Amino acid sequence: MGKKGFTLIELLAVIVILGIISLIVVPVLTNSYNDSKKKSEDIFLERLSSVIGSYISLNSDTINFDSTFTARKKNSDTVVDVYQGKITINDLIDSKLLSLEDFVNPGNKKANCNVNTEIEVFRDSDFVYCHKMKRMDCLSAAYDANTYVINTCEWESELS
């Protein structure tokens, strides 16, 4: 008898082997994909932070520092007076340091980042500038909404 084709046992064995391979490969590929998206968003935020720093350097004399507090520098007992002001992403766009086309999150291709997102700008008593920005709506869920996604400041905490 000439037998052509596969038996049911052979087909089931192949299906089981393919299932085991997919159980191993799919989570690895999913993690790699999510990690690469997170890294793209991190680079997006680093570039945005660099543009914010450039804006502050060019426009430090026009920023309105309307509140003051005292803080301690990191890893030091040095206490400084800190003056706080605010700018927005729209200010960066108006100054031509950033365009709307540049302001697309590459991690998720969302272009609906709110251009009115506030950036807190600080100047300490030594005229050292820094900035902080909370999570924007176009970032993925990997970023906590209650923490700063950009923070270049060098003090630990406000003092009472």
N, C-alpha and C. Protein backbone atom coordinates (compact mmCIF):
# COMPACT_ATOMS: atom_id res chain seq x y z
N MET A 1 0.82 -1.17 0.00
CA MET A 1 0.00 0.00 0.00
C MET A 1 0.88 1.25 0.00
N GLY A 2 0.63 2.14 -0.96
CA GLY A 2 1.35 3.39 -1.03
C GLY A 2 0.61 4.46 -0.22
N LYS A 3 1.24 4.89 0.79
CA LYS A 3 0.62 5.86 1.69
C LYS A 3 1.12 7.26 1.32
N LYS A 4 0.20 8.17 1.01
CA LYS A 4 0.55 9.54 0.68
C LYS A 4 -0.11 10.45 1.68
N GLY A 5 0.67 11.39 2.25
CA GLY A 5 0.11 12.33 3.22
C GLY A 5 0.64 12.06 4.62
N PHE A 6 0.11 12.84 5.54
CA PHE A 6 0.54 12.75 6.93
C PHE A 6 -0.54 12.12 7.78
N THR A 7 -0.12 11.46 8.82
CA THR A 7 -1.09 10.89 9.75
C THR A 7 -1.55 11.98 10.71
N LEU A 8 -2.63 11.72 11.40
CA LEU A 8 -3.16 12.68 12.36
C LEU A 8 -2.15 12.94 13.47
N ILE A 9 -1.43 11.94 13.91
CA ILE A 9 -0.42 12.09 14.96
C ILE A 9 0.69 13.03 14.50
N GLU A 10 1.14 12.89 13.26
CA GLU A 10 2.20 13.75 12.74
C GLU A 10 1.73 15.21 12.67
N LEU A 11 0.50 15.42 12.21
CA LEU A 11 -0.05 16.78 12.13
C LEU A 11 -0.18 17.40 13.52
N LEU A 12 -0.65 16.63 14.49
CA LEU A 12 -0.77 17.14 15.86
C LEU A 12 0.60 17.47 16.46
N ALA A 13 1.59 16.65 16.17
CA ALA A 13 2.94 16.90 16.67
C ALA A 13 3.49 18.22 16.11
N VAL A 14 3.27 18.46 14.83
CA VAL A 14 3.73 19.71 14.22
C VAL A 14 3.01 20.91 14.83
N ILE A 15 1.70 20.79 15.03
CA ILE A 15 0.92 21.88 15.62
C ILE A 15 1.39 22.17 17.05
N VAL A 16 1.65 21.13 17.83
CA VAL A 16 2.13 21.31 19.20
C VAL A 16 3.50 21.99 19.20
N ILE A 17 4.39 21.57 18.31
CA ILE A 17 5.72 22.18 18.24
C ILE A 17 5.62 23.66 17.84
N LEU A 18 4.77 23.97 16.86
CA LEU A 18 4.58 25.37 16.46
C LEU A 18 3.97 26.19 17.59
N GLY A 19 3.06 25.60 18.35
CA GLY A 19 2.48 26.29 19.50
C GLY A 19 3.51 26.61 20.56
N ILE A 20 4.40 25.68 20.84
CA ILE A 20 5.45 25.89 21.84
C ILE A 20 6.41 26.98 21.37
N ILE A 21 6.78 26.94 20.09
CA ILE A 21 7.67 27.98 19.55
C ILE A 21 7.01 29.35 19.65
N SER A 22 5.73 29.44 19.31
CA SER A 22 5.05 30.74 19.37
C SER A 22 4.91 31.23 20.81
N LEU A 23 4.75 30.33 21.78
CA LEU A 23 4.69 30.74 23.19
C LEU A 23 6.01 31.37 23.65
N ILE A 24 7.09 30.98 23.03
CA ILE A 24 8.39 31.53 23.40
C ILE A 24 8.68 32.81 22.62
N VAL A 25 8.41 32.80 21.33
CA VAL A 25 8.81 33.90 20.45
C VAL A 25 7.93 35.13 20.61
N VAL A 26 6.62 34.98 20.71
CA VAL A 26 5.71 36.13 20.74
C VAL A 26 5.99 37.07 21.92
N PRO A 27 6.13 36.58 23.15
CA PRO A 27 6.44 37.52 24.25
C PRO A 27 7.79 38.23 24.07
N VAL A 28 8.78 37.53 23.54
CA VAL A 28 10.09 38.15 23.33
C VAL A 28 9.97 39.27 22.30
N LEU A 29 9.26 39.02 21.21
CA LEU A 29 9.09 40.05 20.19
C LEU A 29 8.26 41.22 20.71
N THR A 30 7.23 40.94 21.49
CA THR A 30 6.40 42.00 22.05
C THR A 30 7.21 42.87 23.00
N ASN A 31 8.02 42.27 23.86
CA ASN A 31 8.87 43.04 24.78
C ASN A 31 9.88 43.89 24.01
N SER A 32 10.48 43.33 22.97
CA SER A 32 11.44 44.09 22.17
C SER A 32 10.76 45.28 21.50
N TYR A 33 9.57 45.07 20.98
CA TYR A 33 8.82 46.14 20.33
C TYR A 33 8.49 47.25 21.34
N ASN A 34 8.00 46.88 22.51
CA ASN A 34 7.66 47.87 23.54
C ASN A 34 8.91 48.61 24.04
N ASP A 35 10.02 47.90 24.19
CA ASP A 35 11.27 48.54 24.62
C ASP A 35 11.74 49.55 23.58
N SER A 36 11.62 49.21 22.31
CA SER A 36 12.07 50.14 21.27
C SER A 36 11.17 51.37 21.21
N LYS A 37 9.87 51.20 21.44
CA LYS A 37 8.97 52.35 21.49
C LYS A 37 9.33 53.26 22.67
N LYS A 38 9.63 52.67 23.82
CA LYS A 38 10.00 53.44 25.01
C LYS A 38 11.31 54.20 24.76
N LYS A 39 12.28 53.54 24.11
CA LYS A 39 13.54 54.21 23.82
C LYS A 39 13.33 55.37 22.85
N SER A 40 12.44 55.19 21.87
CA SER A 40 12.13 56.28 20.93
C SER A 40 11.51 57.45 21.67
N GLU A 41 10.63 57.16 22.61
CA GLU A 41 10.02 58.24 23.40
C GLU A 41 11.05 58.92 24.29
N ASP A 42 11.98 58.16 24.85
CA ASP A 42 13.04 58.75 25.67
C ASP A 42 13.90 59.71 24.84
N ILE A 43 14.22 59.31 23.62
CA ILE A 43 15.01 60.17 22.74
C ILE A 43 14.20 61.42 22.37
N PHE A 44 12.91 61.25 22.13
CA PHE A 44 12.01 62.38 21.85
C PHE A 44 12.05 63.37 23.01
N LEU A 45 11.96 62.87 24.23
CA LEU A 45 11.98 63.74 25.41
C LEU A 45 13.35 64.40 25.61
N GLU A 46 14.45 63.68 25.31
CA GLU A 46 15.78 64.27 25.41
C GLU A 46 15.93 65.42 24.42
N ARG A 47 15.46 65.22 23.20
CA ARG A 47 15.53 66.29 22.19
C ARG A 47 14.67 67.48 22.60
N LEU A 48 13.48 67.18 23.12
CA LEU A 48 12.60 68.25 23.58
C LEU A 48 13.26 69.03 24.72
N SER A 49 13.89 68.32 25.65
CA SER A 49 14.57 68.97 26.76
C SER A 49 15.70 69.86 26.26
N SER A 50 16.41 69.41 25.23
CA SER A 50 17.48 70.21 24.65
C SER A 50 16.93 71.50 24.03
N VAL A 51 15.79 71.39 23.34
CA VAL A 51 15.16 72.58 22.75
C VAL A 51 14.70 73.53 23.85
N ILE A 52 14.14 72.99 24.92
CA ILE A 52 13.71 73.82 26.04
C ILE A 52 14.90 74.55 26.64
N GLY A 53 16.02 73.85 26.81
CA GLY A 53 17.23 74.48 27.33
C GLY A 53 17.72 75.61 26.42
N SER A 54 17.64 75.39 25.11
CA SER A 54 18.03 76.44 24.17
C SER A 54 17.11 77.64 24.28
N TYR A 55 15.82 77.37 24.41
CA TYR A 55 14.86 78.48 24.54
C TYR A 55 15.16 79.29 25.80
N ILE A 56 15.42 78.60 26.89
CA ILE A 56 15.70 79.30 28.15
C ILE A 56 16.98 80.14 28.01
N SER A 57 18.00 79.58 27.38
CA SER A 57 19.25 80.34 27.20
C SER A 57 19.03 81.60 26.37
N LEU A 58 18.20 81.48 25.33
CA LEU A 58 17.98 82.63 24.45
C LEU A 58 16.99 83.64 25.02
N ASN A 59 16.08 83.20 25.88
CA ASN A 59 14.99 84.06 26.34
C ASN A 59 14.91 84.20 27.85
N SER A 60 15.99 83.96 28.56
CA SER A 60 15.94 83.99 30.03
C SER A 60 15.51 85.35 30.57
N ASP A 61 15.80 86.41 29.82
CA ASP A 61 15.44 87.73 30.30
C ASP A 61 13.96 88.07 30.11
N THR A 62 13.23 87.26 29.31
CA THR A 62 11.81 87.53 29.08
C THR A 62 10.89 86.62 29.87
N ILE A 63 11.44 85.61 30.53
CA ILE A 63 10.61 84.68 31.30
C ILE A 63 10.21 85.35 32.60
N ASN A 64 8.93 85.28 32.93
CA ASN A 64 8.41 85.89 34.15
C ASN A 64 8.52 84.89 35.31
N PHE A 65 9.45 85.13 36.20
CA PHE A 65 9.62 84.29 37.38
C PHE A 65 8.76 84.89 38.49
N ASP A 66 7.57 84.28 38.67
CA ASP A 66 6.58 84.91 39.55
C ASP A 66 6.46 84.29 40.93
N SER A 67 7.17 83.22 41.21
CA SER A 67 7.11 82.68 42.57
C SER A 67 8.52 82.28 43.01
N THR A 68 8.68 82.20 44.33
CA THR A 68 9.99 81.93 44.91
C THR A 68 9.86 80.89 46.01
N PHE A 69 10.85 80.03 46.11
CA PHE A 69 10.93 79.11 47.24
C PHE A 69 12.39 78.83 47.54
N THR A 70 12.66 78.19 48.65
CA THR A 70 14.01 77.83 49.05
C THR A 70 14.18 76.33 48.92
N ALA A 71 15.34 75.91 48.41
CA ALA A 71 15.57 74.49 48.20
C ALA A 71 17.01 74.14 48.55
N ARG A 72 17.23 72.84 48.74
CA ARG A 72 18.58 72.33 49.04
C ARG A 72 19.11 71.63 47.80
N LYS A 73 20.37 71.93 47.44
CA LYS A 73 20.98 71.28 46.28
C LYS A 73 21.22 69.81 46.58
N LYS A 74 21.17 68.98 45.54
CA LYS A 74 21.39 67.54 45.70
C LYS A 74 22.78 67.26 46.23
N ASN A 75 22.87 66.29 47.11
CA ASN A 75 24.14 65.84 47.69
C ASN A 75 24.95 66.99 48.30
N SER A 76 24.25 67.93 48.90
CA SER A 76 24.93 69.09 49.47
C SER A 76 24.05 69.69 50.55
N ASP A 77 24.68 70.49 51.40
CA ASP A 77 23.92 71.23 52.40
C ASP A 77 23.63 72.65 51.92
N THR A 78 24.02 72.96 50.69
CA THR A 78 23.83 74.29 50.14
C THR A 78 22.35 74.56 49.91
N VAL A 79 21.90 75.69 50.44
CA VAL A 79 20.51 76.10 50.28
C VAL A 79 20.48 77.29 49.33
N VAL A 80 19.54 77.26 48.38
CA VAL A 80 19.44 78.34 47.40
C VAL A 80 18.00 78.84 47.32
N ASP A 81 17.85 80.11 46.95
CA ASP A 81 16.54 80.63 46.62
C ASP A 81 16.27 80.28 45.16
N VAL A 82 15.06 79.81 44.90
CA VAL A 82 14.71 79.38 43.56
C VAL A 82 13.51 80.19 43.09
N TYR A 83 13.62 80.72 41.87
CA TYR A 83 12.56 81.51 41.27
C TYR A 83 11.92 80.67 40.16
N GLN A 84 10.58 80.64 40.16
CA GLN A 84 9.88 79.76 39.23
C GLN A 84 9.06 80.56 38.24
N GLY A 85 9.13 80.15 36.97
CA GLY A 85 8.31 80.71 35.91
C GLY A 85 7.76 79.59 35.05
N LYS A 86 6.97 79.95 34.07
CA LYS A 86 6.38 78.94 33.20
C LYS A 86 6.48 79.37 31.75
N ILE A 87 6.70 78.40 30.88
CA ILE A 87 6.61 78.59 29.45
C ILE A 87 5.77 77.43 28.92
N THR A 88 5.42 77.46 27.64
CA THR A 88 4.65 76.37 27.04
C THR A 88 5.38 75.87 25.80
N ILE A 89 4.94 74.72 25.33
CA ILE A 89 5.47 74.18 24.08
C ILE A 89 5.21 75.18 22.95
N ASN A 90 4.08 75.85 23.02
CA ASN A 90 3.74 76.84 22.00
C ASN A 90 4.78 77.96 21.95
N ASP A 91 5.36 78.33 23.08
CA ASP A 91 6.43 79.33 23.09
C ASP A 91 7.63 78.84 22.29
N LEU A 92 7.94 77.55 22.39
CA LEU A 92 9.06 76.98 21.63
C LEU A 92 8.77 77.03 20.14
N ILE A 93 7.52 76.75 19.78
CA ILE A 93 7.13 76.78 18.37
C ILE A 93 7.15 78.21 17.85
N ASP A 94 6.65 79.16 18.64
CA ASP A 94 6.65 80.56 18.23
C ASP A 94 8.06 81.10 18.03
N SER A 95 9.01 80.59 18.80
CA SER A 95 10.39 81.06 18.69
C SER A 95 11.14 80.38 17.55
N LYS A 96 10.48 79.48 16.85
CA LYS A 96 11.05 78.76 15.70
C LYS A 96 12.14 77.76 16.08
N LEU A 97 12.23 77.43 17.37
CA LEU A 97 13.17 76.39 17.79
C LEU A 97 12.58 75.01 17.57
N LEU A 98 11.28 74.96 17.43
CA LEU A 98 10.55 73.70 17.27
C LEU A 98 9.40 73.96 16.32
N SER A 99 9.11 73.00 15.47
CA SER A 99 7.95 73.14 14.59
C SER A 99 6.93 72.05 14.95
N LEU A 100 5.72 72.24 14.51
CA LEU A 100 4.69 71.23 14.79
C LEU A 100 5.06 69.89 14.17
N GLU A 101 5.74 69.91 13.03
CA GLU A 101 6.17 68.67 12.38
C GLU A 101 7.20 67.93 13.23
N ASP A 102 8.03 68.69 13.95
CA ASP A 102 9.03 68.08 14.84
C ASP A 102 8.39 67.51 16.10
N PHE A 103 7.23 68.03 16.41
CA PHE A 103 6.60 67.71 17.69
C PHE A 103 5.66 66.52 17.55
N VAL A 104 6.19 65.42 17.04
CA VAL A 104 5.45 64.17 16.92
C VAL A 104 6.22 63.11 17.68
N ASN A 105 5.53 62.43 18.59
CA ASN A 105 6.17 61.40 19.38
C ASN A 105 6.48 60.20 18.48
N PRO A 106 7.76 59.87 18.27
CA PRO A 106 8.08 58.76 17.38
C PRO A 106 7.73 57.40 17.96
N GLY A 107 7.55 57.33 19.26
CA GLY A 107 7.23 56.05 19.89
C GLY A 107 5.84 55.56 19.56
N ASN A 108 4.92 56.48 19.32
CA ASN A 108 3.56 56.06 19.00
C ASN A 108 2.95 56.86 17.86
N LYS A 109 3.75 57.69 17.22
CA LYS A 109 3.34 58.50 16.05
C LYS A 109 2.20 59.44 16.35
N LYS A 110 1.98 59.76 17.62
CA LYS A 110 0.92 60.69 17.97
C LYS A 110 1.38 62.12 17.76
N ALA A 111 0.60 62.85 16.99
CA ALA A 111 0.93 64.24 16.72
C ALA A 111 0.04 65.17 17.53
N ASN A 112 -0.78 64.61 18.39
CA ASN A 112 -1.72 65.45 19.14
C ASN A 112 -1.18 65.85 20.51
N CYS A 113 0.12 66.06 20.60
CA CYS A 113 0.68 66.56 21.84
C CYS A 113 0.13 67.97 22.06
N ASN A 114 -0.26 68.25 23.25
CA ASN A 114 -0.85 69.55 23.57
C ASN A 114 0.23 70.63 23.56
N VAL A 115 0.11 71.58 22.63
CA VAL A 115 1.12 72.64 22.53
C VAL A 115 1.01 73.63 23.69
N ASN A 116 -0.04 73.52 24.50
CA ASN A 116 -0.17 74.37 25.67
C ASN A 116 0.35 73.70 26.94
N THR A 117 1.03 72.57 26.77
CA THR A 117 1.65 71.89 27.90
C THR A 117 2.63 72.84 28.58
N GLU A 118 2.48 72.98 29.89
CA GLU A 118 3.34 73.90 30.63
C GLU A 118 4.67 73.26 31.00
N ILE A 119 5.69 74.08 30.92
CA ILE A 119 7.03 73.70 31.32
C ILE A 119 7.42 74.64 32.46
N GLU A 120 7.79 74.08 33.58
CA GLU A 120 8.21 74.89 34.72
C GLU A 120 9.69 75.22 34.55
N VAL A 121 10.00 76.49 34.59
CA VAL A 121 11.38 76.96 34.45
C VAL A 121 11.82 77.53 35.79
N PHE A 122 13.03 77.19 36.19
CA PHE A 122 13.54 77.63 37.48
C PHE A 122 14.89 78.32 37.29
N ARG A 123 15.13 79.32 38.12
CA ARG A 123 16.43 80.00 38.19
C ARG A 123 16.78 80.09 39.66
N ASP A 124 17.95 79.58 40.01
CA ASP A 124 18.32 79.69 41.41
C ASP A 124 19.10 80.98 41.64
N SER A 125 19.46 81.22 42.87
CA SER A 125 20.12 82.47 43.24
C SER A 125 21.51 82.59 42.61
N ASP A 126 22.05 81.49 42.08
CA ASP A 126 23.33 81.51 41.38
C ASP A 126 23.15 81.69 39.87
N PHE A 127 21.93 81.98 39.43
CA PHE A 127 21.57 82.13 38.02
C PHE A 127 21.82 80.85 37.22
N VAL A 128 21.52 79.73 37.83
CA VAL A 128 21.55 78.45 37.15
C VAL A 128 20.11 78.12 36.80
N TYR A 129 19.87 77.83 35.52
CA TYR A 129 18.51 77.55 35.05
C TYR A 129 18.30 76.06 34.89
N CYS A 130 17.06 75.65 35.10
CA CYS A 130 16.67 74.28 34.85
C CYS A 130 15.19 74.26 34.51
N HIS A 131 14.70 73.09 34.12
CA HIS A 131 13.29 73.00 33.75
C HIS A 131 12.73 71.62 34.08
N LYS A 132 11.41 71.60 34.27
CA LYS A 132 10.68 70.37 34.55
C LYS A 132 9.40 70.36 33.72
N MET A 133 9.01 69.18 33.28
CA MET A 133 7.76 69.06 32.55
C MET A 133 7.08 67.76 32.93
N LYS A 134 5.78 67.86 33.22
CA LYS A 134 5.01 66.66 33.54
C LYS A 134 4.62 65.95 32.25
N ARG A 135 4.04 64.78 32.40
CA ARG A 135 3.67 63.93 31.27
C ARG A 135 2.73 64.65 30.32
N MET A 136 3.00 64.51 29.02
CA MET A 136 2.12 65.05 27.99
C MET A 136 1.12 63.97 27.58
N ASP A 137 0.01 64.40 27.00
CA ASP A 137 -1.03 63.46 26.62
C ASP A 137 -0.62 62.54 25.47
N CYS A 138 0.41 62.88 24.72
CA CYS A 138 0.80 62.05 23.59
C CYS A 138 1.82 60.97 23.97
N LEU A 139 2.23 60.91 25.22
CA LEU A 139 3.18 59.88 25.65
C LEU A 139 2.44 58.60 25.98
N SER A 140 3.14 57.50 25.88
CA SER A 140 2.53 56.21 26.18
C SER A 140 2.30 56.05 27.67
N ALA A 141 1.61 54.99 28.02
CA ALA A 141 1.29 54.72 29.42
C ALA A 141 2.52 54.34 30.23
N ALA A 142 3.66 54.17 29.58
CA ALA A 142 4.89 53.83 30.30
C ALA A 142 5.35 54.98 31.20
N TYR A 143 4.83 56.18 30.95
CA TYR A 143 5.21 57.34 31.75
C TYR A 143 4.10 57.66 32.73
N ASP A 144 4.49 57.81 33.98
CA ASP A 144 3.54 58.10 35.05
C ASP A 144 3.08 59.55 34.94
N ALA A 145 1.78 59.75 35.04
CA ALA A 145 1.21 61.09 34.91
C ALA A 145 1.55 61.99 36.10
N ASN A 146 1.95 61.41 37.22
CA ASN A 146 2.20 62.20 38.43
C ASN A 146 3.66 62.57 38.63
N THR A 147 4.53 62.15 37.73
CA THR A 147 5.94 62.49 37.86
C THR A 147 6.38 63.34 36.67
N TYR A 148 7.56 63.90 36.78
CA TYR A 148 8.10 64.70 35.70
C TYR A 148 8.78 63.81 34.68
N VAL A 149 8.44 63.99 33.40
CA VAL A 149 9.11 63.22 32.35
C VAL A 149 10.41 63.91 31.94
N ILE A 150 10.49 65.20 32.21
CA ILE A 150 11.74 65.95 32.03
C ILE A 150 12.03 66.68 33.34
N ASN A 151 13.24 66.50 33.85
CA ASN A 151 13.63 67.17 35.09
C ASN A 151 15.13 67.38 35.06
N THR A 152 15.54 68.62 34.82
CA THR A 152 16.98 68.93 34.76
C THR A 152 17.45 69.68 36.00
N CYS A 153 16.62 69.75 37.02
CA CYS A 153 16.95 70.54 38.21
C CYS A 153 17.86 69.79 39.16
N GLU A 154 18.68 70.54 39.88
CA GLU A 154 19.70 69.93 40.72
C GLU A 154 19.45 70.13 42.22
N TRP A 155 18.23 70.27 42.63
CA TRP A 155 17.98 70.33 44.06
C TRP A 155 17.02 69.23 44.44
N GLU A 156 17.08 68.87 45.70
CA GLU A 156 16.31 67.74 46.17
C GLU A 156 14.89 68.08 46.53
N SER A 157 14.71 69.11 47.32
CA SER A 157 13.35 69.38 47.78
C SER A 157 13.21 70.83 48.21
N GLU A 158 11.97 71.23 48.26
CA GLU A 158 11.68 72.57 48.79
C GLU A 158 11.81 72.52 50.30
N LEU A 159 12.22 73.61 50.87
CA LEU A 159 12.31 73.73 52.32
C LEU A 159 11.15 74.57 52.81
N SER A 160 10.66 74.24 53.96
CA SER A 160 9.53 75.01 54.51
C SER A 160 10.00 76.30 55.11
